[in-house]
Structure formats: C-alpha cells, structure tokens
Amino acid sequence: TLEELVNHFRAICCSLVPSHDELLL
C-alpha cells in the first residue's frame, strides 16, 4: 500500500540520513 511505501522510504532515509529525518517528518 501507499502507507507501506512511505513508511519504508522513511525507514531508509532515517538509516541513511538521520539528520534529515526531522525535515521529512
């Protein structure tokens, strides 16, 4: 689902660039 994709994308971003996680959320 779209929500699963978003959650997966956020998980990747959080693991790659934690400093940007706050901006995405």
Protein backbone atom coordinates (compact mmCIF):
# COMPACT_ATOMS: atom_id res chain seq x y z
CA THR A 1 0.00 0.00 0.00
CA LEU A 2 1.00 3.65 -0.24
CA GLU A 3 1.40 3.89 3.52
CA GLU A 4 3.79 0.93 3.48
CA LEU A 5 5.87 2.63 0.79
CA VAL A 6 6.01 5.84 2.79
CA ASN A 7 7.00 4.00 5.96
CA HIS A 8 9.68 2.07 4.05
CA PHE A 9 11.01 5.28 2.49
CA ARG A 10 11.16 6.99 5.88
CA ALA A 11 12.95 3.99 7.37
CA ILE A 12 15.58 4.18 4.63
CA CYS A 13 16.01 7.94 5.00
CA CYS A 14 16.27 7.60 8.75
CA SER A 15 19.01 4.99 8.44
CA LEU A 16 20.90 6.88 5.72
CA VAL A 17 20.44 10.49 6.80
CA PRO A 18 19.04 10.70 10.35
CA SER A 19 19.68 14.45 10.35
CA HIS A 20 17.16 14.83 7.52
CA ASP A 21 14.54 12.64 9.16
CA GLU A 22 13.21 15.60 11.13
CA LEU A 23 12.78 17.60 7.94
CA LEU A 24 10.87 14.80 6.20
CA LEU A 25 8.52 14.33 9.13
